[in-house]
Amino acid sequence: MDVSFVNPFITATVETFKTMLNCELKMQKPVLKMEALHQYDVSGVIALTGQAQGIIALSFPKVLALKYVSIMLGTEIKIVGDDLTDAIGELANIVAGYAKQYLTEFKLTISLPNVVIGKNHRIAVPKGVPTMVVPFSSTHGEFAMEVALKTAK
């Protein structure tokens, strides 16, 4: 995977959180992940197709997902339910759509968001495609943005 594909997703994540959540993110050192397990509880996942295939995922600890959704909705959300899954899916959708504008050469189509909930869940990526994990921190906590993208070129 060309790591330059990750930059539009980093920019999109930082700008989306700044605009929608009034939250400044600090990017930590990106790492290449070789297995599908997550250390987080909630992931918003968007599939990408076109001349590049893969996924973008935003993965959060449950407490942080509830905090961000509470900020988005302007009311405290305390339980994992429809409000949480809808809002986390929408965050992932916005990040993917924002990044797509910088990857026009791949004629990407983004899927509807899927939200995966549960400890040690797995997110499938195209076979043989490494996943770049970009950890972020904020005053509210830490989460990760993951990109696995394989070009047809």
Protein backbone atom coordinates (compact mmCIF):
# COMPACT_ATOMS: atom_id res chain seq x y z
CA MET A 1 0.00 0.00 0.00
CA ASP A 2 1.29 3.43 -0.92
CA VAL A 3 1.30 5.37 2.36
CA SER A 4 0.50 8.58 0.48
CA PHE A 5 -3.06 7.21 0.21
CA VAL A 6 -3.32 7.54 3.98
CA ASN A 7 -2.70 11.32 4.06
CA PRO A 8 -6.15 12.33 2.71
CA PHE A 9 -7.77 10.17 5.43
CA ILE A 10 -5.60 11.75 8.14
CA THR A 11 -6.54 15.23 6.93
CA ALA A 12 -10.20 14.24 6.70
CA THR A 13 -10.22 12.83 10.23
CA VAL A 14 -8.54 15.89 11.75
CA GLU A 15 -10.81 18.35 9.91
CA THR A 16 -14.01 16.39 10.60
CA PHE A 17 -13.33 16.21 14.33
CA LYS A 18 -12.37 19.90 14.42
CA THR A 19 -15.52 20.97 12.57
CA MET A 20 -18.13 18.57 13.93
CA LEU A 21 -16.88 17.98 17.47
CA ASN A 22 -14.84 21.12 18.15
CA CYS A 23 -12.04 18.72 19.02
CA GLU A 24 -8.35 19.13 18.24
CA LEU A 25 -6.65 15.82 17.47
CA LYS A 26 -2.99 14.96 17.86
CA MET A 27 -1.76 12.28 15.50
CA GLN A 28 0.49 9.65 17.04
CA LYS A 29 3.01 7.50 15.15
CA PRO A 30 1.30 5.42 12.42
CA VAL A 31 1.92 1.67 12.47
CA LEU A 32 1.42 -1.14 10.00
CA LYS A 33 -1.01 -3.74 11.34
CA MET A 34 -0.66 -7.32 10.21
CA GLU A 35 -3.66 -8.89 11.97
CA ALA A 36 -7.36 -8.06 11.94
CA LEU A 37 -7.97 -7.82 15.70
CA HIS A 38 -8.86 -4.46 17.24
CA GLN A 39 -8.26 -3.22 20.73
CA TYR A 40 -11.33 -1.01 20.54
CA ASP A 41 -15.03 -1.56 21.22
CA VAL A 42 -16.76 0.38 18.43
CA SER A 43 -15.71 0.76 14.79
CA GLY A 44 -17.36 2.70 11.98
CA VAL A 45 -16.32 1.06 8.71
CA ILE A 46 -16.68 2.25 5.11
CA ALA A 47 -15.80 0.01 2.16
CA LEU A 48 -14.07 1.67 -0.80
CA THR A 49 -14.39 0.35 -4.35
CA GLY A 50 -13.33 1.56 -7.79
CA GLN A 51 -9.79 1.61 -9.11
CA ALA A 52 -8.74 1.08 -5.50
CA GLN A 53 -10.39 -1.27 -3.03
CA GLY A 54 -10.30 -1.41 0.72
CA ILE A 55 -11.70 0.05 3.89
CA ILE A 56 -11.47 3.06 6.16
CA ALA A 57 -12.38 2.53 9.82
CA LEU A 58 -12.63 4.76 12.86
CA SER A 59 -12.26 2.67 16.03
CA PHE A 60 -13.01 3.86 19.56
CA PRO A 61 -13.18 2.63 23.14
CA LYS A 62 -16.88 2.51 24.11
CA VAL A 63 -16.57 5.38 26.60
CA LEU A 64 -14.99 7.65 23.99
CA ALA A 65 -17.52 6.71 21.31
CA LEU A 66 -20.32 7.65 23.73
CA LYS A 67 -18.56 10.96 24.53
CA TYR A 68 -18.10 11.94 20.87
CA VAL A 69 -21.68 10.99 20.01
CA SER A 70 -22.94 13.01 22.98
CA ILE A 71 -21.04 16.03 21.66
CA MET A 72 -22.41 15.48 18.13
CA LEU A 73 -26.00 15.18 19.32
CA GLY A 74 -25.81 17.85 22.00
CA THR A 75 -27.23 15.49 24.61
CA GLU A 76 -25.62 12.88 26.84
CA ILE A 77 -25.71 9.37 25.40
CA LYS A 78 -25.05 6.68 28.01
CA ILE A 79 -25.89 3.43 26.25
CA VAL A 80 -24.83 1.62 23.11
CA GLY A 81 -27.86 1.83 20.83
CA ASP A 82 -29.17 3.33 17.62
CA ASP A 83 -27.93 6.86 18.39
CA LEU A 84 -24.40 5.59 18.89
CA THR A 85 -24.31 3.36 15.82
CA ASP A 86 -25.90 5.98 13.56
CA ALA A 87 -23.51 8.73 14.68
CA ILE A 88 -20.33 6.61 14.51
CA GLY A 89 -21.37 5.43 11.04
CA GLU A 90 -21.95 9.01 9.98
CA LEU A 91 -18.52 10.10 11.27
CA ALA A 92 -16.87 7.35 9.21
CA ASN A 93 -18.98 8.33 6.19
CA ILE A 94 -17.97 11.99 6.45
CA VAL A 95 -14.27 11.14 6.79
CA ALA A 96 -14.42 8.81 3.76
CA GLY A 97 -16.32 11.37 1.67
CA TYR A 98 -13.92 14.16 2.61
CA ALA A 99 -10.85 12.04 1.72
CA LYS A 100 -12.44 10.86 -1.55
CA GLN A 101 -12.07 14.35 -3.04
CA TYR A 102 -8.27 13.95 -2.86
CA LEU A 103 -8.28 10.51 -4.48
CA THR A 104 -10.27 11.29 -7.65
CA GLU A 105 -7.85 9.38 -9.90
CA PHE A 106 -9.19 6.13 -8.38
CA LYS A 107 -12.87 6.89 -9.11
CA LEU A 108 -13.78 5.65 -5.64
CA THR A 109 -17.25 4.70 -4.54
CA ILE A 110 -17.92 4.62 -0.83
CA SER A 111 -20.33 2.15 0.76
CA LEU A 112 -22.93 2.81 3.37
CA PRO A 113 -21.33 2.72 6.81
CA ASN A 114 -21.22 -0.41 8.93
CA VAL A 115 -20.68 -0.23 12.66
CA VAL A 116 -19.06 -3.11 14.50
CA ILE A 117 -19.46 -3.31 18.27
CA GLY A 118 -17.69 -5.65 20.65
CA LYS A 119 -14.32 -6.34 22.21
CA ASN A 120 -11.69 -7.89 19.94
CA HIS A 121 -13.85 -7.61 16.83
CA ARG A 122 -12.43 -8.20 13.37
CA ILE A 123 -12.71 -6.01 10.30
CA ALA A 124 -12.11 -7.80 7.01
CA VAL A 125 -9.75 -6.17 4.52
CA PRO A 126 -8.91 -7.29 0.98
CA LYS A 127 -6.54 -10.27 1.00
CA GLY A 128 -2.89 -9.25 0.99
CA VAL A 129 -3.60 -5.60 1.78
CA PRO A 130 -1.77 -4.24 4.83
CA THR A 131 -3.59 -1.91 7.19
CA MET A 132 -2.11 1.43 8.23
CA VAL A 133 -3.24 2.36 11.72
CA VAL A 134 -3.07 6.03 12.66
CA PRO A 135 -3.65 6.57 16.39
CA PHE A 136 -5.07 9.91 17.50
CA SER A 137 -5.36 11.49 20.92
CA SER A 138 -7.51 14.34 22.15
CA THR A 139 -8.51 15.78 25.50
CA HIS A 140 -11.30 13.17 25.55
CA GLY A 141 -9.14 10.09 24.89
CA GLU A 142 -7.48 7.99 22.22
CA PHE A 143 -8.85 6.27 19.12
CA ALA A 144 -7.54 5.00 15.79
CA MET A 145 -8.19 5.57 12.12
CA GLU A 146 -7.34 2.61 9.90
CA VAL A 147 -6.87 2.48 6.16
CA ALA A 148 -6.39 -0.61 4.01
CA LEU A 149 -6.33 0.35 0.35
CA LYS A 150 -5.13 -1.62 -2.67
CA THR A 151 -4.92 0.05 -6.06
CA ALA A 152 -5.75 -1.71 -9.30
CA LYS A 153 -2.87 0.11 -11.03
